[in-house]
Amino acid sequence: MQSEHWRALYEVWVVQHYQDVYSWCFRMTRNQQEAEDLTQETFLIAYRKMHLFRGDASPKTWLLKIATRACLKAGKRRSAAYAVTDRTAVDCAPSAEREATVRLDREALWRCVAKLPPRERTALLLYHAQDQSYQEIAHVMGVSVERVKNYLHRGRRHLKTALQGEGEVHGAKRTQSADRTRRTHGSD
């Protein structure tokens, strides 16, 4: 009887949360095939460990925690940064130039997000793309709320630096010319 209950609950979770988990995996990997594989892996792990679900968080948060760990583990196995997926070609409509610019800006953003340290990238994506609260992110990542705030702050700072082209994402190093520009214009 208990296993039938878990199986029925699992089927409900798959229907309700499959798209959310897939979207999350895709945002983490930016690769459709890998996102599909990681989504399947997430639900397989969830099925095996359903008896451990205590209800401290929502099922979606619990599933995203499993998916996050699977994505981070897959990222460690991958040595190269993930590739930006192909977008559909821009047609020759009058706004084609504007659309191309927006597309390039979006691709630049994803390339910069891809270069963030994994925990900063995870926190930013959970907060901005999945609309998770600090508490939910802390639960998913297995860290304190203060640590989540720290990851978000550093991630935003590194992302801003990378998007402005002032330095490297990981170390947030500034080039000498960027330092000179700041001193010259009094930005510090």
N, C-alpha and C. Protein backbone atom coordinates (compact mmCIF):
# COMPACT_ATOMS: atom_id res chain seq x y z
N MET A 1 0.83 -1.19 0.00
CA MET A 1 0.00 0.00 0.00
C MET A 1 0.87 1.25 0.00
N GLN A 2 1.92 1.27 0.85
CA GLN A 2 2.79 2.44 0.94
C GLN A 2 3.48 2.72 -0.39
N SER A 3 3.96 1.67 -1.08
CA SER A 3 4.65 1.88 -2.36
C SER A 3 3.68 2.42 -3.42
N GLU A 4 2.42 2.03 -3.37
CA GLU A 4 1.44 2.58 -4.31
C GLU A 4 1.23 4.06 -4.04
N HIS A 5 1.22 4.43 -2.78
CA HIS A 5 1.09 5.84 -2.41
C HIS A 5 2.26 6.65 -2.98
N TRP A 6 3.50 6.15 -2.78
CA TRP A 6 4.69 6.85 -3.27
C TRP A 6 4.68 6.94 -4.80
N ARG A 7 4.28 5.87 -5.44
CA ARG A 7 4.25 5.85 -6.91
C ARG A 7 3.24 6.87 -7.43
N ALA A 8 2.07 6.94 -6.81
CA ALA A 8 1.05 7.91 -7.23
C ALA A 8 1.54 9.34 -7.00
N LEU A 9 2.17 9.55 -5.86
CA LEU A 9 2.71 10.87 -5.55
C LEU A 9 3.81 11.25 -6.55
N TYR A 10 4.66 10.29 -6.86
CA TYR A 10 5.74 10.51 -7.82
C TYR A 10 5.17 10.91 -9.18
N GLU A 11 4.16 10.22 -9.63
CA GLU A 11 3.54 10.54 -10.93
C GLU A 11 2.97 11.95 -10.93
N VAL A 12 2.39 12.37 -9.83
CA VAL A 12 1.88 13.74 -9.72
C VAL A 12 3.04 14.73 -9.82
N TRP A 13 4.13 14.44 -9.13
CA TRP A 13 5.29 15.34 -9.16
C TRP A 13 5.86 15.46 -10.57
N VAL A 14 5.92 14.34 -11.27
CA VAL A 14 6.45 14.38 -12.63
C VAL A 14 5.58 15.28 -13.49
N VAL A 15 4.28 15.13 -13.41
CA VAL A 15 3.37 15.95 -14.21
C VAL A 15 3.49 17.42 -13.82
N GLN A 16 3.53 17.70 -12.52
CA GLN A 16 3.55 19.09 -12.05
C GLN A 16 4.90 19.78 -12.22
N HIS A 17 6.00 19.05 -12.11
CA HIS A 17 7.30 19.72 -12.00
C HIS A 17 8.31 19.37 -13.09
N TYR A 18 7.94 18.52 -14.03
CA TYR A 18 8.91 18.11 -15.05
C TYR A 18 9.44 19.32 -15.81
N GLN A 19 8.56 20.20 -16.26
CA GLN A 19 8.98 21.35 -17.04
C GLN A 19 9.87 22.29 -16.23
N ASP A 20 9.54 22.49 -14.95
CA ASP A 20 10.37 23.34 -14.09
C ASP A 20 11.77 22.75 -13.93
N VAL A 21 11.85 21.46 -13.71
CA VAL A 21 13.15 20.81 -13.54
C VAL A 21 13.94 20.86 -14.84
N TYR A 22 13.27 20.58 -15.96
CA TYR A 22 13.96 20.65 -17.25
C TYR A 22 14.47 22.07 -17.51
N SER A 23 13.63 23.07 -17.27
CA SER A 23 14.04 24.46 -17.49
C SER A 23 15.25 24.81 -16.64
N TRP A 24 15.23 24.36 -15.40
CA TRP A 24 16.35 24.61 -14.50
C TRP A 24 17.62 23.94 -15.02
N CYS A 25 17.52 22.69 -15.42
CA CYS A 25 18.69 21.97 -15.94
C CYS A 25 19.21 22.63 -17.21
N PHE A 26 18.29 23.10 -18.05
CA PHE A 26 18.72 23.78 -19.27
C PHE A 26 19.43 25.08 -18.95
N ARG A 27 18.92 25.82 -17.98
CA ARG A 27 19.58 27.07 -17.60
C ARG A 27 20.97 26.81 -17.02
N MET A 28 21.10 25.71 -16.33
CA MET A 28 22.40 25.38 -15.74
C MET A 28 23.40 24.89 -16.80
N THR A 29 22.92 24.18 -17.80
CA THR A 29 23.83 23.57 -18.77
C THR A 29 23.86 24.26 -20.12
N ARG A 30 22.76 24.91 -20.50
CA ARG A 30 22.59 25.54 -21.81
C ARG A 30 22.78 24.52 -22.94
N ASN A 31 22.41 23.29 -22.66
CA ASN A 31 22.53 22.22 -23.64
C ASN A 31 21.28 21.35 -23.52
N GLN A 32 20.51 21.27 -24.61
CA GLN A 32 19.22 20.59 -24.57
C GLN A 32 19.35 19.12 -24.21
N GLN A 33 20.27 18.41 -24.85
CA GLN A 33 20.41 16.98 -24.59
C GLN A 33 20.85 16.72 -23.16
N GLU A 34 21.82 17.51 -22.70
CA GLU A 34 22.29 17.33 -21.32
C GLU A 34 21.19 17.67 -20.32
N ALA A 35 20.39 18.69 -20.62
CA ALA A 35 19.29 19.07 -19.73
C ALA A 35 18.26 17.94 -19.66
N GLU A 36 17.97 17.32 -20.78
CA GLU A 36 17.03 16.19 -20.79
C GLU A 36 17.58 15.04 -19.96
N ASP A 37 18.86 14.73 -20.14
CA ASP A 37 19.48 13.65 -19.38
C ASP A 37 19.48 13.94 -17.88
N LEU A 38 19.81 15.18 -17.53
CA LEU A 38 19.86 15.55 -16.11
C LEU A 38 18.45 15.59 -15.49
N THR A 39 17.46 15.95 -16.28
CA THR A 39 16.08 15.92 -15.79
C THR A 39 15.66 14.49 -15.49
N GLN A 40 15.98 13.59 -16.41
CA GLN A 40 15.68 12.17 -16.18
C GLN A 40 16.42 11.66 -14.94
N GLU A 41 17.69 12.03 -14.82
CA GLU A 41 18.48 11.61 -13.66
C GLU A 41 17.87 12.14 -12.37
N THR A 42 17.42 13.40 -12.40
CA THR A 42 16.80 14.01 -11.22
C THR A 42 15.58 13.23 -10.77
N PHE A 43 14.69 12.90 -11.71
CA PHE A 43 13.48 12.19 -11.34
C PHE A 43 13.76 10.74 -10.94
N LEU A 44 14.79 10.16 -11.50
CA LEU A 44 15.18 8.81 -11.09
C LEU A 44 15.69 8.83 -9.65
N ILE A 45 16.53 9.79 -9.34
CA ILE A 45 17.03 9.92 -7.96
C ILE A 45 15.87 10.21 -7.01
N ALA A 46 14.98 11.11 -7.42
CA ALA A 46 13.83 11.46 -6.57
C ALA A 46 12.98 10.22 -6.30
N TYR A 47 12.76 9.39 -7.30
CA TYR A 47 11.95 8.19 -7.12
C TYR A 47 12.61 7.25 -6.11
N ARG A 48 13.92 7.10 -6.26
CA ARG A 48 14.65 6.20 -5.36
C ARG A 48 14.67 6.72 -3.92
N LYS A 49 14.62 8.05 -3.76
CA LYS A 49 14.78 8.64 -2.43
C LYS A 49 13.50 9.29 -1.91
N MET A 50 12.37 8.97 -2.50
CA MET A 50 11.12 9.59 -2.05
C MET A 50 10.85 9.36 -0.58
N HIS A 51 11.26 8.21 -0.09
CA HIS A 51 11.03 7.90 1.33
C HIS A 51 11.79 8.86 2.25
N LEU A 52 12.78 9.59 1.70
CA LEU A 52 13.55 10.54 2.50
C LEU A 52 12.94 11.95 2.49
N PHE A 53 11.95 12.16 1.62
CA PHE A 53 11.31 13.47 1.55
C PHE A 53 10.53 13.71 2.83
N ARG A 54 10.93 14.75 3.57
CA ARG A 54 10.31 15.03 4.87
C ARG A 54 9.23 16.08 4.79
N GLY A 55 9.16 16.81 3.71
CA GLY A 55 8.17 17.86 3.59
C GLY A 55 8.62 19.18 4.19
N ASP A 56 9.91 19.32 4.51
CA ASP A 56 10.43 20.58 5.04
C ASP A 56 10.34 21.69 3.98
N ALA A 57 10.41 21.29 2.73
CA ALA A 57 10.33 22.22 1.61
C ALA A 57 9.27 21.69 0.65
N SER A 58 8.93 22.49 -0.31
CA SER A 58 7.95 22.03 -1.31
C SER A 58 8.59 20.95 -2.18
N PRO A 59 7.78 20.11 -2.81
CA PRO A 59 8.35 19.10 -3.71
C PRO A 59 9.20 19.73 -4.82
N LYS A 60 8.76 20.89 -5.33
CA LYS A 60 9.52 21.57 -6.39
C LYS A 60 10.91 21.95 -5.88
N THR A 61 10.99 22.50 -4.68
CA THR A 61 12.27 22.90 -4.11
C THR A 61 13.16 21.67 -3.91
N TRP A 62 12.57 20.59 -3.42
CA TRP A 62 13.32 19.35 -3.21
C TRP A 62 13.86 18.82 -4.53
N LEU A 63 13.03 18.84 -5.57
CA LEU A 63 13.46 18.37 -6.88
C LEU A 63 14.55 19.28 -7.47
N LEU A 64 14.41 20.59 -7.27
CA LEU A 64 15.44 21.51 -7.77
C LEU A 64 16.76 21.31 -7.03
N LYS A 65 16.68 20.93 -5.77
CA LYS A 65 17.91 20.64 -5.02
C LYS A 65 18.61 19.42 -5.63
N ILE A 66 17.85 18.41 -5.93
CA ILE A 66 18.43 17.21 -6.57
C ILE A 66 19.00 17.58 -7.93
N ALA A 67 18.25 18.36 -8.70
CA ALA A 67 18.69 18.76 -10.04
C ALA A 67 19.96 19.62 -9.97
N THR A 68 20.02 20.51 -8.99
CA THR A 68 21.20 21.36 -8.83
C THR A 68 22.43 20.51 -8.57
N ARG A 69 22.31 19.57 -7.68
CA ARG A 69 23.45 18.69 -7.38
C ARG A 69 23.85 17.89 -8.62
N ALA A 70 22.87 17.40 -9.36
CA ALA A 70 23.18 16.64 -10.58
C ALA A 70 23.88 17.53 -11.61
N CYS A 71 23.41 18.76 -11.75
CA CYS A 71 24.02 19.69 -12.72
C CYS A 71 25.44 20.06 -12.30
N LEU A 72 25.63 20.33 -11.01
CA LEU A 72 26.97 20.68 -10.54
C LEU A 72 27.93 19.51 -10.72
N LYS A 73 27.44 18.32 -10.44
CA LYS A 73 28.28 17.13 -10.62
C LYS A 73 28.63 16.94 -12.09
N ALA A 74 27.65 17.15 -12.96
CA ALA A 74 27.90 17.03 -14.41
C ALA A 74 28.87 18.11 -14.86
N GLY A 75 28.77 19.30 -14.27
CA GLY A 75 29.68 20.39 -14.63
C GLY A 75 31.11 20.08 -14.26
N LYS A 76 31.30 19.39 -13.15
CA LYS A 76 32.64 19.00 -12.75
C LYS A 76 33.22 17.99 -13.73
N ARG A 77 32.35 17.14 -14.27
CA ARG A 77 32.82 16.14 -15.23
C ARG A 77 33.19 16.79 -16.56
N ARG A 78 32.55 17.88 -16.84
CA ARG A 78 32.81 18.61 -18.09
C ARG A 78 33.96 19.56 -17.86
N SER A 79 34.95 19.55 -18.68
CA SER A 79 36.07 20.47 -18.47
C SER A 79 35.84 21.80 -19.19
N ALA A 80 35.19 21.75 -20.32
CA ALA A 80 34.96 22.98 -21.08
C ALA A 80 33.68 23.65 -20.62
N ALA A 81 33.60 24.96 -20.77
CA ALA A 81 32.37 25.70 -20.47
C ALA A 81 31.31 25.28 -21.47
N TYR A 82 30.05 25.32 -21.03
CA TYR A 82 29.00 24.89 -21.92
C TYR A 82 28.79 25.90 -23.04
N ALA A 83 28.36 25.36 -24.17
CA ALA A 83 28.18 26.19 -25.36
C ALA A 83 26.81 26.85 -25.34
N VAL A 84 26.76 28.03 -25.89
CA VAL A 84 25.47 28.71 -26.04
C VAL A 84 24.72 28.00 -27.16
N THR A 85 23.46 27.68 -26.91
CA THR A 85 22.70 26.96 -27.90
C THR A 85 22.37 27.85 -29.09
N ASP A 86 22.17 27.22 -30.23
CA ASP A 86 21.81 27.96 -31.43
C ASP A 86 20.44 28.56 -31.28
N ARG A 87 20.30 29.76 -31.73
CA ARG A 87 19.00 30.42 -31.74
C ARG A 87 18.49 30.35 -33.18
N THR A 88 17.22 30.56 -33.35
CA THR A 88 16.67 30.56 -34.70
C THR A 88 17.20 31.77 -35.44
N ALA A 89 17.36 31.64 -36.72
CA ALA A 89 17.88 32.73 -37.54
C ALA A 89 16.91 33.89 -37.55
N VAL A 90 17.49 35.08 -37.57
CA VAL A 90 16.68 36.28 -37.60
C VAL A 90 16.24 36.51 -39.04
N ASP A 91 14.95 36.74 -39.22
CA ASP A 91 14.46 36.96 -40.59
C ASP A 91 14.80 38.38 -41.04
N CYS A 92 14.41 38.73 -42.23
CA CYS A 92 14.77 40.00 -42.82
C CYS A 92 13.72 41.07 -42.56
N ALA A 93 13.01 40.99 -41.48
CA ALA A 93 12.02 41.98 -41.12
C ALA A 93 12.72 43.30 -40.79
N PRO A 94 11.98 44.42 -40.80
CA PRO A 94 12.60 45.71 -40.51
C PRO A 94 13.32 45.75 -39.16
N SER A 95 12.88 44.96 -38.22
CA SER A 95 13.51 44.98 -36.90
C SER A 95 14.60 43.91 -36.76
N ALA A 96 15.07 43.38 -37.87
CA ALA A 96 16.07 42.32 -37.83
C ALA A 96 17.34 42.77 -37.14
N GLU A 97 17.78 44.00 -37.37
CA GLU A 97 18.99 44.50 -36.74
C GLU A 97 18.81 44.58 -35.22
N ARG A 98 17.65 45.07 -34.80
CA ARG A 98 17.36 45.16 -33.36
C ARG A 98 17.30 43.78 -32.73
N GLU A 99 16.64 42.84 -33.40
CA GLU A 99 16.55 41.48 -32.89
C GLU A 99 17.93 40.84 -32.80
N ALA A 100 18.76 41.09 -33.80
CA ALA A 100 20.11 40.53 -33.79
C ALA A 100 20.91 41.10 -32.63
N THR A 101 20.76 42.38 -32.37
CA THR A 101 21.46 43.01 -31.24
C THR A 101 21.00 42.42 -29.92
N VAL A 102 19.69 42.26 -29.77
CA VAL A 102 19.15 41.67 -28.54
C VAL A 102 19.66 40.25 -28.38
N ARG A 103 19.69 39.50 -29.47
CA ARG A 103 20.15 38.12 -29.43
C ARG A 103 21.63 38.06 -29.02
N LEU A 104 22.44 38.94 -29.59
CA LEU A 104 23.85 38.97 -29.24
C LEU A 104 24.05 39.37 -27.78
N ASP A 105 23.24 40.34 -27.29
CA ASP A 105 23.31 40.72 -25.89
C ASP A 105 22.94 39.55 -24.98
N ARG A 106 21.91 38.81 -25.35
CA ARG A 106 21.47 37.67 -24.57
C ARG A 106 22.54 36.58 -24.56
N GLU A 107 23.14 36.34 -25.73
CA GLU A 107 24.19 35.34 -25.81
C GLU A 107 25.41 35.75 -25.00
N ALA A 108 25.75 37.05 -25.02
CA ALA A 108 26.86 37.54 -24.21
C ALA A 108 26.57 37.34 -22.73
N LEU A 109 25.34 37.63 -22.34
CA LEU A 109 24.94 37.42 -20.95
C LEU A 109 25.11 35.96 -20.56
N TRP A 110 24.61 35.03 -21.39
CA TRP A 110 24.72 33.61 -21.06
C TRP A 110 26.17 33.15 -21.03
N ARG A 111 27.01 33.69 -21.94
CA ARG A 111 28.43 33.33 -21.89
C ARG A 111 29.06 33.79 -20.58
N CYS A 112 28.70 34.99 -20.14
CA CYS A 112 29.24 35.50 -18.87
C CYS A 112 28.71 34.71 -17.68
N VAL A 113 27.43 34.36 -17.71
CA VAL A 113 26.85 33.55 -16.64
C VAL A 113 27.57 32.19 -16.60
N ALA A 114 27.86 31.65 -17.76
CA ALA A 114 28.53 30.35 -17.84
C ALA A 114 29.91 30.37 -17.19
N LYS A 115 30.55 31.52 -17.20
CA LYS A 115 31.91 31.63 -16.65
C LYS A 115 31.93 31.88 -15.14
N LEU A 116 30.77 32.15 -14.55
CA LEU A 116 30.73 32.38 -13.11
C LEU A 116 31.09 31.10 -12.36
N PRO A 117 31.65 31.24 -11.17
CA PRO A 117 31.86 30.04 -10.34
C PRO A 117 30.52 29.33 -10.13
N PRO A 118 30.52 28.01 -10.05
CA PRO A 118 29.27 27.24 -10.01
C PRO A 118 28.28 27.68 -8.93
N ARG A 119 28.73 27.97 -7.75
CA ARG A 119 27.79 28.34 -6.68
C ARG A 119 27.18 29.71 -6.92
N GLU A 120 27.96 30.65 -7.44
CA GLU A 120 27.42 31.97 -7.76
C GLU A 120 26.40 31.86 -8.90
N ARG A 121 26.74 31.08 -9.92
CA ARG A 121 25.84 30.87 -11.05
C ARG A 121 24.54 30.22 -10.58
N THR A 122 24.66 29.22 -9.72
CA THR A 122 23.48 28.52 -9.21
C THR A 122 22.57 29.47 -8.44
N ALA A 123 23.16 30.25 -7.53
CA ALA A 123 22.37 31.19 -6.73
C ALA A 123 21.68 32.22 -7.62
N LEU A 124 22.41 32.78 -8.59
CA LEU A 124 21.82 33.78 -9.49
C LEU A 124 20.67 33.19 -10.30
N LEU A 125 20.87 32.00 -10.84
CA LEU A 125 19.82 31.40 -11.66
C LEU A 125 18.61 31.01 -10.82
N LEU A 126 18.83 30.48 -9.63
CA LEU A 126 17.70 30.14 -8.78
C LEU A 126 16.91 31.39 -8.40
N TYR A 127 17.61 32.48 -8.11
CA TYR A 127 16.93 33.70 -7.68
C TYR A 127 16.24 34.41 -8.85
N HIS A 128 16.97 34.63 -9.94
CA HIS A 128 16.44 35.44 -11.03
C HIS A 128 15.64 34.64 -12.05
N ALA A 129 16.02 33.41 -12.30
CA ALA A 129 15.32 32.63 -13.32
C ALA A 129 14.21 31.76 -12.75
N GLN A 130 14.38 31.31 -11.52
CA GLN A 130 13.38 30.42 -10.91
C GLN A 130 12.55 31.12 -9.84
N ASP A 131 12.83 32.38 -9.56
CA ASP A 131 12.09 33.16 -8.56
C ASP A 131 12.04 32.48 -7.19
N GLN A 132 13.15 31.87 -6.81
CA GLN A 132 13.23 31.21 -5.51
C GLN A 132 13.60 32.26 -4.45
N SER A 133 13.11 32.09 -3.24
CA SER A 133 13.45 32.98 -2.13
C SER A 133 14.84 32.63 -1.61
N TYR A 134 15.40 33.52 -0.77
CA TYR A 134 16.70 33.23 -0.16
C TYR A 134 16.64 31.91 0.61
N GLN A 135 15.54 31.70 1.34
CA GLN A 135 15.42 30.48 2.14
C GLN A 135 15.36 29.24 1.24
N GLU A 136 14.61 29.32 0.15
CA GLU A 136 14.53 28.18 -0.77
C GLU A 136 15.88 27.89 -1.41
N ILE A 137 16.59 28.94 -1.79
CA ILE A 137 17.92 28.76 -2.39
C ILE A 137 18.87 28.13 -1.37
N ALA A 138 18.80 28.62 -0.14
CA ALA A 138 19.65 28.06 0.92
C ALA A 138 19.37 26.56 1.08
N HIS A 139 18.10 26.20 1.04
CA HIS A 139 17.74 24.79 1.17
C HIS A 139 18.26 23.99 -0.02
N VAL A 140 18.06 24.50 -1.22
CA VAL A 140 18.49 23.79 -2.43
C VAL A 140 20.01 23.61 -2.43
N MET A 141 20.73 24.67 -2.04
CA MET A 141 22.19 24.62 -2.10
C MET A 141 22.83 24.03 -0.85
N GLY A 142 22.03 23.88 0.22
CA GLY A 142 22.56 23.31 1.45
C GLY A 142 23.51 24.26 2.18
N VAL A 143 23.20 25.56 2.11
CA VAL A 143 24.01 26.57 2.78
C VAL A 143 23.10 27.51 3.57
N SER A 144 23.70 28.44 4.31
CA SER A 144 22.91 29.41 5.08
C SER A 144 22.37 30.50 4.17
N VAL A 145 21.36 31.22 4.66
CA VAL A 145 20.79 32.34 3.91
C VAL A 145 21.85 33.41 3.69
N GLU A 146 22.69 33.65 4.70
CA GLU A 146 23.77 34.64 4.55
C GLU A 146 24.73 34.25 3.44
N ARG A 147 25.02 32.97 3.33
CA ARG A 147 25.91 32.50 2.25
C ARG A 147 25.25 32.72 0.90
N VAL A 148 23.94 32.50 0.81
CA VAL A 148 23.21 32.74 -0.44
C VAL A 148 23.32 34.21 -0.83
N LYS A 149 23.12 35.10 0.13
CA LYS A 149 23.22 36.54 -0.14
C LYS A 149 24.63 36.88 -0.62
N ASN A 150 25.62 36.24 -0.03
CA ASN A 150 27.00 36.47 -0.43
C ASN A 150 27.24 36.00 -1.86
N TYR A 151 26.74 34.80 -2.20
CA TYR A 151 26.88 34.29 -3.56
C TYR A 151 26.20 35.21 -4.56
N LEU A 152 25.01 35.69 -4.21
CA LEU A 152 24.29 36.60 -5.11
C LEU A 152 25.05 37.90 -5.31
N HIS A 153 25.55 38.46 -4.23
CA HIS A 153 26.30 39.72 -4.32
C HIS A 153 27.55 39.56 -5.19
N ARG A 154 28.33 38.53 -4.89
CA ARG A 154 29.55 38.30 -5.67
C ARG A 154 29.24 37.96 -7.12
N GLY A 155 28.21 37.14 -7.32
CA GLY A 155 27.83 36.77 -8.69
C GLY A 155 27.41 37.97 -9.51
N ARG A 156 26.61 38.85 -8.93
CA ARG A 156 26.19 40.07 -9.64
C ARG A 156 27.38 40.96 -9.95
N ARG A 157 28.27 41.10 -8.97
CA ARG A 157 29.45 41.93 -9.17
C ARG A 157 30.33 41.36 -10.28
N HIS A 158 30.58 40.05 -10.25
CA HIS A 158 31.39 39.42 -11.29
C HIS A 158 30.71 39.49 -12.65
N LEU A 159 29.41 39.33 -12.67
CA LEU A 159 28.67 39.40 -13.93
C LEU A 159 28.73 40.81 -14.51
N LYS A 160 28.57 41.80 -13.68
CA LYS A 160 28.65 43.20 -14.13
C LYS A 160 30.03 43.48 -14.70
N THR A 161 31.05 43.04 -14.00
CA THR A 161 32.42 43.24 -14.47
C THR A 161 32.63 42.57 -15.82
N ALA A 162 32.16 41.36 -15.95
CA ALA A 162 32.35 40.62 -17.20
C ALA A 162 31.59 41.28 -18.35
N LEU A 163 30.37 41.72 -18.08
CA LEU A 163 29.56 42.34 -19.13
C LEU A 163 30.14 43.69 -19.57
N GLN A 164 30.78 44.37 -18.65
CA GLN A 164 31.40 45.65 -19.01
C GLN A 164 32.75 45.44 -19.69
N GLY A 165 33.22 44.19 -19.70
CA GLY A 165 34.48 43.89 -20.35
C GLY A 165 35.68 44.43 -19.60
N GLU A 166 35.54 44.61 -18.28
CA GLU A 166 36.63 45.19 -17.50
C GLU A 166 37.60 44.16 -16.96
N GLY A 167 37.28 42.91 -17.06
CA GLY A 167 38.21 41.93 -16.50
C GLY A 167 37.64 40.54 -16.58
N GLU A 168 38.30 39.64 -15.87
CA GLU A 168 37.88 38.25 -15.87
C GLU A 168 36.77 38.05 -14.86
N VAL A 169 35.92 37.07 -15.13
CA VAL A 169 34.79 36.82 -14.26
C VAL A 169 35.23 36.23 -12.93
N HIS A 170 36.04 35.18 -12.95
CA HIS A 170 36.33 34.44 -11.72
C HIS A 170 37.05 35.28 -10.69
N GLY A 171 38.04 36.03 -11.08
CA GLY A 171 38.80 36.79 -10.11
C GLY A 171 38.35 38.23 -10.03
N ALA A 172 37.46 38.62 -10.89
CA ALA A 172 37.01 40.00 -10.98
C ALA A 172 38.22 40.92 -11.07
N LYS A 173 39.27 40.47 -11.83
CA LYS A 173 40.47 41.26 -12.00
C LYS A 173 40.19 42.38 -13.00
N ARG A 174 40.72 43.53 -12.70
CA ARG A 174 40.57 44.64 -13.63
C ARG A 174 41.86 44.79 -14.41
N THR A 175 41.73 45.21 -15.64
CA THR A 175 42.91 45.46 -16.44
C THR A 175 43.52 46.79 -16.02
N GLN A 176 44.77 47.00 -16.38
CA GLN A 176 45.43 48.25 -16.03
C GLN A 176 44.72 49.43 -16.67
N SER A 177 44.26 49.26 -17.92
CA SER A 177 43.58 50.37 -18.59
C SER A 177 42.26 50.71 -17.88
N ALA A 178 41.57 49.70 -17.37
CA ALA A 178 40.33 49.97 -16.64
C ALA A 178 40.64 50.71 -15.34
N ASP A 179 41.75 50.34 -14.68
CA ASP A 179 42.15 51.05 -13.46
C ASP A 179 42.50 52.50 -13.77
N ARG A 180 43.24 52.72 -14.87
CA ARG A 180 43.61 54.08 -15.27
C ARG A 180 42.37 54.90 -15.58
N THR A 181 41.41 54.30 -16.26
CA THR A 181 40.17 55.00 -16.61
C THR A 181 39.44 55.42 -15.35
N ARG A 182 39.39 54.53 -14.37
CA ARG A 182 38.70 54.86 -13.11
C ARG A 182 39.40 56.02 -12.40
N ARG A 183 40.75 55.99 -12.35
CA ARG A 183 41.49 57.06 -11.68
C ARG A 183 41.31 58.37 -12.43
N THR A 184 41.35 58.31 -13.75
CA THR A 184 41.24 59.51 -14.57
C THR A 184 39.87 60.15 -14.43
N HIS A 185 38.84 59.35 -14.41
CA HIS A 185 37.47 59.87 -14.35
C HIS A 185 36.92 59.94 -12.93
N GLY A 186 37.71 59.55 -11.97
CA GLY A 186 37.29 59.64 -10.57
C GLY A 186 36.15 58.70 -10.20
N SER A 187 36.12 57.50 -10.78
CA SER A 187 35.03 56.56 -10.52
C SER A 187 35.19 55.84 -9.20
N ASP A 188 36.40 55.81 -8.63
CA ASP A 188 36.59 55.08 -7.36
C ASP A 188 36.15 55.85 -6.21
